[in-house]
Amino acid sequence: MKLLQIPSVALEQRIKQEIEENPALEELQDINATGEAADELGQPDLTEESDDEEMDTETMDSDDEFNVEDFLDEGDIPDYKTMTHNSSPDDEHRDIPFVATTTFHDHLISQLGLRSLDERKTQIALHIIGNIDDSGYITRDINSMVDDLAFTQNIRTTRDEILEMLSLIQEFDPPGVGARNLQECLLIQLRRIEQPSHSVELAIHILERHFNEFTKKHYDKIIRKAKISEGDLKDAIDEILKLNPKPGNSLGETARTNHYIIPDFIIYNNNGSLELQLNSRNTPELRLNRTYLDMLETYAVSKDKKKHRDALAFVKQKIDSARWFIDAIKQRQNTLFTTMHAIMEYQKEYFLTGDETCLRPMILKDIAEIVHLDISTISRVANSKYVQTPFGTFLLKSFFSESMQTDSGEEVSTREIKKILSDCIEAEEKSRPQTDEQLTTILRDKGYNIARRTVAKYREQMNIPVARLRKEL
C-alpha cells in the first residue's frame, strides 16, 4: 500500500533504497541483443534448465527449519521467473535537459565583488545578501541583523550602516532586489528608469502617496486625491504592471524554479479510441541476484548443515524479501493500470473532447465498485499522481468531484459548475466585474440552483479574487 501511494518520481528513489539495503535484489542492466536477451525476456531454454543438477535435499536433517526444495521449486530457478519488466518497446523515453547556472545569491555576491569595499563592509553586505529570499526580498528586520552580526561575527555595527549597505545592494541586478516590501520593490524599479516619462513619475507618486488605495483598486479615490484623469491613471498603472513583483525569481536556480511533472499515466486518442499507457520510465527492471541464488543452493547441499545454518537463514531472508519487493512492484503496476483504466472509461467523453463540461460526477466509491478494490486503495492511486492527456497534464484527483442536480433533475459535476463560473468571470466587463450575487443569478438562470456562499467558495477554490479586486480601467 505504501508503494502504491507514492508517485513515479518517488518510486525511483524507493527502489534505489531497496537495492542498497538488499544485496539479493538488483537492477537488470543492459542485456545482450542475442542469446541472453531471449532467456531474460521470458523465453528460456527449458531443456538446458532441466539438465541442471538438482538439489540434494535428502541430506537435510528432518528437524531443519528450512525446506529448500519448497523454496526452489524446480532446482535452479530460470532468470525470467526472478525479474520484472516494467517497460515495453513502445514506451516513450524523454530526457529533460537541465541548464548549468549559478544561483541567485551567487549572482548578487559576484556583483558585490565589483565594488571597492573594506573587509568589514563586505562582511555586512554578505550578511544582508544571506537574508534575501529567493523572491529577492529582505526577510530579516534591520535591528535584528545588527544583533546577528554582533553575536555571530563579532561585528559591532549600527542600523544606519546596515541601511547604507542595503542601499548599495538595491542598486544590483535584477532591479528591485533587496526590498523590504512590495511597495519598496516597485519603487526601486521605477526609480531606476532612465529619463522617466510622465506616466512613470505619476506611477511613483501613486505608489508613494496612494499605495493602500492602489492595492485595493480604489481608483476613484486615487483620481480624486491625485487630481488626475482616468486616462492618466490607466497609463500609470500600465507602467506598474510592467514591473516584476518577485525580482529574485528571474534569476532563480534552475533546479528550484523549473518543476517538471512526470506523469504516471499517458492517455492517447487513437482515431477516437482511447489508449492508456502506464509510464514506467522511473521503474527499473528488477531481478534476484544470481550470486545469492547460487549461494542458497550451495548452502542447501552442504554436508556441514549446522555450520552454514545462519548463512542459509540470512541468504533465504534476503531472497524472500527481494521476491516480495518484485511482486509488490508488479502488483502496484497492475493496480495503477486497472484503476486508471476505469477512470478513463468513466470519463471517456472528457478524455475524447477535453471539454470540462463533459466531466461526470465521480467519487472514489464509483471507481472502487468498478475495480472491486477498497476506497482507500483508490484514494492512494489518485493521490499525487498525474495523467498526461492530449489536452494537458492533470492531477488525477482533480477528476473526482461531487454531484449536483440542475433544475431539470440532471446530475452534473461540481467541476462543470466551476468551469461555467470561470467562463462567466472571464467574459465579464472588466471595468464592472460581477459580484458573487450577480454570478449566483447568472448560474441560476442557466439551471444551476446554488447559493451565493457556494459561488464564493468555488471562486476562492479557483483562486479568483472578489469583484473589487478584478476591476480594471
Protein backbone atom coordinates (compact mmCIF):
# COMPACT_ATOMS: atom_id res chain seq x y z
CA MET A 1 0.00 0.00 0.00
CA LYS A 2 2.91 2.36 0.68
CA LEU A 3 4.39 1.63 -2.75
CA LEU A 4 1.00 2.29 -4.31
CA GLN A 5 0.70 5.72 -2.76
CA ILE A 6 3.98 7.23 -3.96
CA PRO A 7 4.32 8.74 -7.47
CA SER A 8 6.76 7.51 -10.10
CA VAL A 9 9.49 10.00 -9.20
CA ALA A 10 9.49 8.95 -5.53
CA LEU A 11 9.27 5.28 -6.53
CA GLU A 12 12.62 5.56 -8.29
CA GLN A 13 14.27 6.60 -5.01
CA ARG A 14 12.40 3.89 -3.09
CA ILE A 15 13.70 1.22 -5.46
CA LYS A 16 17.26 2.53 -5.19
CA GLN A 17 16.97 2.39 -1.41
CA GLU A 18 15.72 -1.21 -1.53
CA ILE A 19 18.59 -2.25 -3.83
CA GLU A 20 21.12 -0.65 -1.46
CA GLU A 21 19.62 -2.38 1.58
CA ASN A 22 19.09 -5.79 -0.02
CA PRO A 23 22.05 -7.28 -1.97
CA ALA A 24 19.80 -10.10 -3.22
CA LEU A 25 17.91 -7.58 -5.36
CA GLU A 26 19.50 -6.00 -8.41
CA GLU A 27 18.60 -3.80 -11.33
CA LEU A 28 18.62 -5.50 -14.70
CA GLN A 29 21.48 -4.00 -16.68
CA ASP A 30 21.75 -3.79 -20.44
CA ILE A 31 21.36 -7.29 -21.84
CA ASN A 32 22.68 -8.90 -24.95
CA ALA A 33 20.56 -8.48 -28.04
CA THR A 34 21.10 -12.18 -28.86
CA GLY A 35 21.33 -15.33 -26.71
CA GLU A 36 20.87 -13.82 -23.25
CA ALA A 37 18.05 -11.47 -24.20
CA ALA A 38 15.64 -14.20 -25.26
CA ASP A 39 16.13 -16.04 -21.98
CA GLU A 40 15.61 -12.95 -19.81
CA LEU A 41 12.55 -11.83 -21.76
CA GLY A 42 10.72 -14.97 -20.83
CA GLN A 43 11.90 -17.49 -23.44
CA PRO A 44 14.39 -19.69 -21.58
CA ASP A 45 15.83 -22.91 -22.91
CA LEU A 46 13.81 -25.31 -20.79
CA THR A 47 15.81 -28.32 -21.99
CA GLU A 48 19.07 -26.93 -20.63
CA GLU A 49 17.29 -25.88 -17.48
CA SER A 50 16.03 -29.38 -16.81
CA ASP A 51 19.54 -30.79 -17.30
CA ASP A 52 20.90 -28.72 -14.42
CA GLU A 53 21.94 -30.65 -11.38
CA GLU A 54 19.04 -30.94 -8.94
CA MET A 55 19.44 -30.06 -5.30
CA ASP A 56 20.04 -32.84 -2.89
CA THR A 57 17.52 -32.08 -0.20
CA GLU A 58 17.59 -35.56 1.27
CA THR A 59 20.77 -34.71 3.19
CA MET A 60 18.93 -32.08 5.23
CA ASP A 61 18.08 -33.07 8.79
CA SER A 62 14.47 -33.83 9.45
CA ASP A 63 14.35 -31.06 12.03
CA ASP A 64 15.83 -28.48 9.63
CA GLU A 65 13.65 -25.38 9.65
CA PHE A 66 14.44 -24.56 6.01
CA ASN A 67 12.68 -26.54 3.31
CA VAL A 68 14.91 -25.58 0.41
CA GLU A 69 13.02 -27.82 -2.01
CA ASP A 70 9.87 -25.79 -1.41
CA PHE A 71 11.79 -22.56 -1.77
CA LEU A 72 13.46 -23.59 -5.05
CA ASP A 73 10.52 -25.13 -6.84
CA GLU A 74 12.36 -26.84 -9.69
CA GLY A 75 16.01 -26.76 -8.72
CA ASP A 76 17.78 -23.87 -10.40
CA ILE A 77 15.33 -21.00 -10.99
CA PRO A 78 15.26 -19.59 -14.53
CA ASP A 79 16.12 -15.88 -14.58
CA TYR A 80 12.84 -14.99 -16.26
CA LYS A 81 11.00 -16.07 -13.10
CA THR A 82 13.00 -13.79 -10.83
CA MET A 83 12.74 -10.46 -12.60
CA THR A 84 10.12 -7.91 -13.52
CA HIS A 85 9.97 -5.93 -16.73
CA ASN A 86 8.39 -2.53 -16.28
CA SER A 87 8.87 -1.16 -19.77
CA SER A 88 7.99 -2.04 -23.31
CA PRO A 89 9.44 -1.15 -26.71
CA ASP A 90 6.55 1.30 -27.17
CA ASP A 91 7.41 3.33 -24.07
CA GLU A 92 8.45 6.93 -24.63
CA HIS A 93 11.77 7.88 -23.07
CA ARG A 94 12.32 11.59 -22.86
CA ASP A 95 15.41 13.16 -21.36
CA ILE A 96 14.90 16.52 -19.67
CA PRO A 97 17.88 18.84 -20.10
CA PHE A 98 18.99 20.97 -17.15
CA VAL A 99 20.99 24.11 -17.77
CA ALA A 100 24.10 24.63 -15.68
CA THR A 101 23.78 28.00 -13.97
CA THR A 102 24.76 30.00 -10.90
CA THR A 103 22.38 30.61 -8.04
CA PHE A 104 20.56 33.86 -7.41
CA HIS A 105 22.70 34.58 -4.33
CA ASP A 106 25.93 33.82 -6.24
CA HIS A 107 24.85 36.41 -8.78
CA LEU A 108 24.47 39.04 -6.03
CA ILE A 109 27.80 38.10 -4.43
CA SER A 110 29.58 38.42 -7.77
CA GLN A 111 28.22 41.98 -8.13
CA LEU A 112 29.39 42.76 -4.61
CA GLY A 113 32.91 41.76 -5.64
CA LEU A 114 32.92 44.56 -8.22
CA ARG A 115 32.55 47.20 -5.51
CA SER A 116 35.52 48.68 -3.64
CA LEU A 117 34.65 47.83 -0.02
CA ASP A 118 36.79 47.10 3.01
CA GLU A 119 36.53 43.73 4.74
CA ARG A 120 34.13 44.97 7.42
CA LYS A 121 31.59 46.40 4.96
CA THR A 122 31.95 43.34 2.75
CA GLN A 123 31.02 41.07 5.67
CA ILE A 124 28.00 43.24 6.47
CA ALA A 125 26.87 43.20 2.84
CA LEU A 126 27.33 39.41 2.65
CA HIS A 127 25.19 39.02 5.77
CA ILE A 128 22.45 41.14 4.17
CA ILE A 129 22.58 39.07 0.97
CA GLY A 130 22.26 35.94 3.07
CA ASN A 131 18.97 37.30 4.41
CA ILE A 132 17.47 37.86 0.94
CA ASP A 133 14.98 35.16 -0.04
CA ASP A 134 14.57 33.57 -3.47
CA SER A 135 11.97 36.19 -4.43
CA GLY A 136 14.53 38.96 -3.85
CA TYR A 137 13.15 40.37 -0.58
CA ILE A 138 14.91 41.01 2.75
CA THR A 139 13.44 38.56 5.26
CA ARG A 140 15.14 39.89 8.41
CA ASP A 141 14.46 43.06 10.37
CA ILE A 142 17.28 45.63 10.23
CA ASN A 143 17.63 45.82 14.05
CA SER A 144 17.77 42.01 14.22
CA MET A 145 20.62 41.99 11.70
CA VAL A 146 22.54 44.42 13.94
CA ASP A 147 22.24 41.88 16.77
CA ASP A 148 23.05 38.93 14.47
CA LEU A 149 26.31 40.50 13.31
CA ALA A 150 27.33 41.28 16.88
CA PHE A 151 26.66 37.78 18.21
CA THR A 152 27.69 35.60 15.25
CA GLN A 153 30.57 37.55 13.66
CA ASN A 154 31.59 39.92 16.46
CA ILE A 155 30.96 42.91 14.19
CA ARG A 156 29.58 45.93 16.01
CA THR A 157 27.50 47.94 13.58
CA THR A 158 24.55 50.32 13.54
CA ARG A 159 21.19 50.47 11.83
CA ASP A 160 22.42 53.34 9.63
CA GLU A 161 25.45 51.36 8.46
CA ILE A 162 23.30 48.38 7.50
CA LEU A 163 20.89 50.67 5.66
CA GLU A 164 23.85 52.11 3.80
CA MET A 165 24.93 48.64 2.65
CA LEU A 166 21.34 47.71 1.87
CA SER A 167 21.03 50.80 -0.34
CA LEU A 168 24.14 49.61 -2.18
CA ILE A 169 22.67 46.13 -2.74
CA GLN A 170 19.44 47.66 -4.02
CA GLU A 171 21.50 49.02 -6.92
CA PHE A 172 22.30 45.45 -8.02
CA ASP A 173 20.54 43.48 -10.74
CA PRO A 174 17.84 42.35 -11.05
CA PRO A 175 16.13 45.72 -10.33
CA GLY A 176 14.07 45.60 -7.14
CA VAL A 177 16.32 43.17 -5.26
CA GLY A 178 16.84 43.86 -1.56
CA ALA A 179 13.44 45.45 -0.99
CA ARG A 180 11.73 45.04 2.36
CA ASN A 181 8.19 45.01 0.96
CA LEU A 182 6.29 45.14 -2.33
CA GLN A 183 5.93 48.92 -2.28
CA GLU A 184 9.69 49.44 -1.95
CA CYS A 185 10.38 46.77 -4.59
CA LEU A 186 8.21 48.52 -7.20
CA LEU A 187 9.58 51.95 -6.35
CA ILE A 188 13.19 50.77 -6.71
CA GLN A 189 12.42 49.53 -10.22
CA LEU A 190 10.62 52.72 -11.27
CA ARG A 191 13.37 54.99 -9.92
CA ARG A 192 16.00 53.13 -11.94
CA ILE A 193 14.30 54.01 -15.21
CA GLU A 194 16.43 56.49 -17.12
CA GLN A 195 14.61 59.55 -18.50
CA PRO A 196 11.28 58.67 -16.84
CA SER A 197 8.11 59.65 -18.68
CA HIS A 198 5.16 61.48 -17.14
CA SER A 199 3.41 58.11 -16.62
CA VAL A 200 6.42 56.75 -14.73
CA GLU A 201 6.59 59.82 -12.49
CA LEU A 202 2.87 59.52 -11.83
CA ALA A 203 3.27 55.82 -11.03
CA ILE A 204 5.95 56.72 -8.45
CA HIS A 205 3.62 59.31 -6.93
CA ILE A 206 0.76 56.79 -6.70
CA LEU A 207 2.94 54.15 -5.05
CA GLU A 208 4.38 56.69 -2.60
CA ARG A 209 1.17 58.51 -1.65
CA HIS A 210 -1.71 56.17 -2.50
CA PHE A 211 -0.32 52.64 -2.22
CA ASN A 212 -3.12 51.42 0.05
CA GLU A 213 -5.83 52.64 -2.35
CA PHE A 214 -3.88 51.13 -5.27
CA THR A 215 -3.72 47.64 -3.72
CA LYS A 216 -7.47 47.76 -3.02
CA LYS A 217 -8.21 49.12 -6.51
CA HIS A 218 -10.00 52.16 -5.15
CA TYR A 219 -9.33 54.00 -8.41
CA ASP A 220 -11.98 56.66 -7.84
CA LYS A 221 -10.25 57.75 -4.63
CA ILE A 222 -6.86 57.94 -6.38
CA ILE A 223 -8.29 60.06 -9.21
CA ARG A 224 -9.93 62.41 -6.71
CA LYS A 225 -6.96 62.74 -4.34
CA ALA A 226 -4.24 62.94 -7.00
CA LYS A 227 -6.40 65.21 -9.18
CA ILE A 228 -5.70 63.26 -12.36
CA SER A 229 -7.81 61.91 -15.20
CA GLU A 230 -8.81 58.29 -15.65
CA GLY A 231 -6.55 58.11 -18.71
CA ASP A 232 -3.54 59.31 -16.71
CA LEU A 233 -4.26 56.72 -14.04
CA LYS A 234 -4.53 53.96 -16.64
CA ASP A 235 -1.16 54.91 -18.15
CA ALA A 236 0.47 54.95 -14.70
CA ILE A 237 -1.00 51.54 -13.82
CA ASP A 238 0.26 50.16 -17.13
CA GLU A 239 3.79 51.21 -16.10
CA ILE A 240 3.40 49.48 -12.73
CA LEU A 241 2.14 46.28 -14.36
CA LYS A 242 5.37 46.08 -16.37
CA LEU A 243 7.36 45.68 -13.13
CA ASN A 244 8.43 42.39 -11.54
CA PRO A 245 6.94 41.87 -8.06
CA LYS A 246 9.38 39.00 -7.42
CA PRO A 247 12.69 40.03 -8.97
CA GLY A 248 14.61 37.10 -7.49
CA ASN A 249 12.58 34.60 -9.49
CA SER A 250 14.01 35.92 -12.76
CA LEU A 251 17.42 34.56 -11.75
CA GLY A 252 16.32 31.67 -9.56
CA GLU A 253 18.30 28.45 -9.56
CA THR A 254 17.19 26.22 -12.42
CA ALA A 255 16.63 23.21 -10.22
CA ARG A 256 14.44 25.23 -7.85
CA THR A 257 12.36 27.18 -10.34
CA ASN A 258 11.82 24.53 -13.01
CA HIS A 259 9.50 21.89 -11.61
CA TYR A 260 8.89 19.21 -14.20
CA ILE A 261 5.88 16.98 -13.74
CA ILE A 262 6.48 13.39 -14.78
CA PRO A 263 3.08 11.81 -15.45
CA ASP A 264 2.27 8.40 -14.03
CA PHE A 265 -0.20 7.69 -16.86
CA ILE A 266 -0.43 8.69 -20.51
CA ILE A 267 -3.70 8.68 -22.45
CA TYR A 268 -3.66 8.70 -26.26
CA ASN A 269 -6.58 9.40 -28.61
CA ASN A 270 -6.07 6.99 -31.48
CA ASN A 271 -8.70 7.99 -34.04
CA GLY A 272 -11.46 8.19 -31.44
CA SER A 273 -10.23 5.19 -29.45
CA LEU A 274 -8.61 5.86 -26.08
CA GLU A 275 -5.37 4.07 -25.24
CA LEU A 276 -3.80 4.03 -21.78
CA GLN A 277 -0.11 3.63 -21.07
CA LEU A 278 1.44 3.30 -17.64
CA ASN A 279 4.55 5.45 -17.56
CA SER A 280 7.29 3.11 -16.33
CA ARG A 281 10.18 5.44 -17.11
CA ASN A 282 11.23 5.66 -13.47
CA THR A 283 10.77 1.99 -12.64
CA PRO A 284 13.96 -0.02 -13.25
CA GLU A 285 13.70 -3.67 -14.27
CA LEU A 286 14.43 -5.84 -11.23
CA ARG A 287 15.55 -9.42 -10.67
CA LEU A 288 17.01 -11.64 -7.99
CA ASN A 289 20.79 -11.60 -7.73
CA ARG A 290 22.15 -14.76 -9.40
CA THR A 291 25.02 -14.94 -6.90
CA TYR A 292 22.61 -15.16 -3.98
CA LEU A 293 20.60 -17.90 -5.67
CA ASP A 294 23.82 -19.85 -6.18
CA MET A 295 24.78 -19.27 -2.53
CA LEU A 296 21.41 -20.60 -1.39
CA GLU A 297 21.90 -23.74 -3.45
CA THR A 298 25.46 -24.18 -2.18
CA TYR A 299 24.49 -23.88 1.48
CA ALA A 300 21.49 -26.16 0.99
CA VAL A 301 23.55 -29.08 -0.35
CA SER A 302 26.45 -28.55 2.06
CA LYS A 303 27.26 -31.54 4.26
CA ASP A 304 28.04 -29.29 7.21
CA LYS A 305 24.49 -28.00 7.60
CA LYS A 306 24.86 -26.67 11.15
CA LYS A 307 27.89 -24.59 10.22
CA HIS A 308 26.00 -22.83 7.44
CA ARG A 309 22.62 -22.61 9.16
CA ASP A 310 22.96 -18.87 9.94
CA ALA A 311 24.30 -18.10 6.49
CA LEU A 312 21.46 -20.06 4.88
CA ALA A 313 18.93 -18.17 7.02
CA PHE A 314 20.43 -14.83 6.03
CA VAL A 315 20.50 -15.61 2.30
CA LYS A 316 16.96 -17.03 2.34
CA GLN A 317 15.66 -13.97 4.18
CA LYS A 318 17.24 -11.61 1.64
CA ILE A 319 15.90 -13.58 -1.32
CA ASP A 320 12.44 -13.76 0.23
CA SER A 321 12.49 -10.00 0.77
CA ALA A 322 13.68 -9.35 -2.79
CA ARG A 323 10.98 -11.65 -4.18
CA TRP A 324 8.35 -9.86 -2.15
CA PHE A 325 9.54 -6.47 -3.40
CA ILE A 326 9.47 -7.57 -7.04
CA ASP A 327 5.94 -8.93 -6.56
CA ALA A 328 4.88 -5.72 -4.81
CA ILE A 329 6.13 -3.64 -7.76
CA LYS A 330 4.20 -5.85 -10.17
CA GLN A 331 1.07 -5.58 -8.04
CA ARG A 332 1.47 -1.80 -7.86
CA GLN A 333 1.71 -1.52 -11.64
CA ASN A 334 -1.34 -3.73 -12.10
CA THR A 335 -3.44 -1.78 -9.56
CA LEU A 336 -2.44 1.56 -11.07
CA PHE A 337 -3.33 0.46 -14.59
CA THR A 338 -6.65 -1.13 -13.59
CA THR A 339 -7.75 1.92 -11.60
CA MET A 340 -6.70 4.47 -14.22
CA HIS A 341 -8.37 2.45 -16.97
CA ALA A 342 -11.63 2.54 -15.02
CA ILE A 343 -11.33 6.31 -14.57
CA MET A 344 -10.56 6.74 -18.28
CA GLU A 345 -13.66 4.78 -19.28
CA TYR A 346 -15.81 6.58 -16.70
CA GLN A 347 -14.74 9.99 -18.05
CA LYS A 348 -14.41 8.82 -21.66
CA GLU A 349 -16.27 11.75 -23.18
CA TYR A 350 -13.97 14.24 -21.46
CA PHE A 351 -10.76 12.46 -22.50
CA LEU A 352 -12.01 12.41 -26.09
CA THR A 353 -13.05 16.06 -26.26
CA GLY A 354 -11.19 17.92 -23.49
CA ASP A 355 -14.43 19.74 -22.66
CA GLU A 356 -14.64 20.12 -18.87
CA THR A 357 -18.41 20.37 -19.03
CA CYS A 358 -18.36 16.72 -20.15
CA LEU A 359 -16.89 15.59 -16.82
CA ARG A 360 -19.28 13.28 -15.00
CA PRO A 361 -19.71 13.47 -11.22
CA MET A 362 -17.26 10.88 -9.85
CA ILE A 363 -16.33 9.93 -6.32
CA LEU A 364 -13.87 7.34 -5.01
CA LYS A 365 -16.68 4.89 -4.33
CA ASP A 366 -17.72 4.87 -8.01
CA ILE A 367 -14.30 3.64 -9.16
CA ALA A 368 -13.86 1.30 -6.17
CA GLU A 369 -17.06 -0.54 -7.15
CA ILE A 370 -15.91 -0.91 -10.76
CA VAL A 371 -12.45 -2.36 -10.00
CA HIS A 372 -13.57 -4.20 -6.82
CA LEU A 373 -10.98 -2.53 -4.62
CA ASP A 374 -11.24 -0.69 -1.31
CA ILE A 375 -11.94 3.06 -1.38
CA SER A 376 -8.68 3.67 0.50
CA THR A 377 -6.80 1.93 -2.33
CA ILE A 378 -8.41 4.20 -4.94
CA SER A 379 -7.53 7.19 -2.79
CA ARG A 380 -3.87 6.14 -2.72
CA VAL A 381 -3.83 5.78 -6.50
CA ALA A 382 -5.39 9.22 -7.01
CA ASN A 383 -3.10 10.92 -4.53
CA SER A 384 -0.12 12.77 -6.05
CA LYS A 385 -0.49 11.00 -9.41
CA TYR A 386 -0.60 12.84 -12.74
CA VAL A 387 -2.10 11.82 -16.07
CA GLN A 388 -0.92 13.19 -19.41
CA THR A 389 -3.74 13.73 -21.89
CA PRO A 390 -3.92 15.33 -25.36
CA PHE A 391 -5.19 18.46 -23.56
CA GLY A 392 -2.52 18.75 -20.87
CA THR A 393 -1.19 17.03 -17.75
CA PHE A 394 -3.52 16.99 -14.74
CA LEU A 395 -3.55 15.83 -11.14
CA LEU A 396 -5.61 12.66 -11.05
CA LYS A 397 -7.67 13.64 -8.02
CA SER A 398 -8.89 16.74 -9.88
CA PHE A 399 -11.21 14.49 -11.89
CA PHE A 400 -13.08 13.47 -8.75
CA SER A 401 -15.98 15.73 -7.82
CA GLU A 402 -19.32 15.65 -6.07
CA SER A 403 -22.57 15.84 -7.99
CA MET A 404 -25.29 18.48 -8.03
CA GLN A 405 -28.71 18.42 -9.59
CA THR A 406 -29.89 21.02 -12.11
CA ASP A 407 -33.44 22.32 -12.26
CA SER A 408 -34.18 19.66 -14.87
CA GLY A 409 -33.06 16.93 -12.44
CA GLU A 410 -29.85 16.15 -14.33
CA GLU A 411 -26.79 15.32 -12.22
CA VAL A 412 -23.75 17.43 -13.07
CA SER A 413 -20.22 17.59 -11.71
CA THR A 414 -19.23 20.44 -9.40
CA ARG A 415 -16.21 20.84 -11.67
CA GLU A 416 -18.59 21.57 -14.55
CA ILE A 417 -20.17 24.33 -12.47
CA LYS A 418 -16.73 25.76 -11.68
CA LYS A 419 -15.91 25.81 -15.40
CA ILE A 420 -19.10 27.70 -16.20
CA LEU A 421 -18.44 30.09 -13.29
CA SER A 422 -14.91 30.68 -14.58
CA ASP A 423 -16.25 31.35 -18.10
CA CYS A 424 -18.74 33.88 -16.71
CA ILE A 425 -15.98 35.76 -14.88
CA GLU A 426 -13.70 35.66 -17.90
CA ALA A 427 -16.43 37.13 -20.12
CA GLU A 428 -17.45 39.89 -17.68
CA GLU A 429 -16.86 43.57 -18.37
CA LYS A 430 -13.54 44.25 -16.62
CA SER A 431 -14.46 47.81 -15.68
CA ARG A 432 -17.61 46.50 -13.94
CA PRO A 433 -16.88 42.96 -12.64
CA GLN A 434 -19.79 40.91 -11.41
CA THR A 435 -20.35 40.36 -7.71
CA ASP A 436 -20.96 36.92 -6.21
CA GLU A 437 -24.66 37.78 -6.00
CA GLN A 438 -24.79 38.59 -9.71
CA LEU A 439 -22.86 35.41 -10.57
CA THR A 440 -25.33 33.39 -8.50
CA THR A 441 -28.20 34.85 -10.51
CA ILE A 442 -26.47 34.00 -13.81
CA LEU A 443 -25.89 30.40 -12.74
CA ARG A 444 -29.49 30.03 -11.61
CA ASP A 445 -30.67 31.33 -14.98
CA LYS A 446 -28.57 28.56 -16.56
CA GLY A 447 -30.31 25.98 -14.36
CA TYR A 448 -27.71 25.62 -11.60
CA ASN A 449 -29.55 26.36 -8.39
CA ILE A 450 -26.74 27.10 -5.92
CA ALA A 451 -26.36 29.54 -3.05
CA ARG A 452 -24.24 32.69 -3.10
CA ARG A 453 -21.90 31.30 -0.43
CA THR A 454 -21.30 28.26 -2.67
CA VAL A 455 -20.38 30.55 -5.55
CA ALA A 456 -17.94 32.36 -3.24
CA LYS A 457 -16.44 29.02 -2.15
CA TYR A 458 -15.94 27.82 -5.73
CA ARG A 459 -14.44 31.20 -6.71
CA GLU A 460 -11.94 31.01 -3.84
CA GLN A 461 -11.04 27.41 -4.73
CA MET A 462 -10.15 28.63 -8.23
CA ASN A 463 -8.05 31.48 -6.73
CA ILE A 464 -10.25 34.14 -8.32
CA PRO A 465 -10.39 37.39 -6.28
CA VAL A 466 -13.57 39.26 -5.35
CA ALA A 467 -15.18 41.62 -7.86
CA ARG A 468 -13.49 44.76 -6.50
CA LEU A 469 -10.02 43.29 -6.99
CA ARG A 470 -10.86 42.15 -10.54
CA LYS A 471 -11.69 45.65 -11.65
CA GLU A 472 -9.65 47.11 -14.50
CA LEU A 473 -9.74 50.55 -16.09
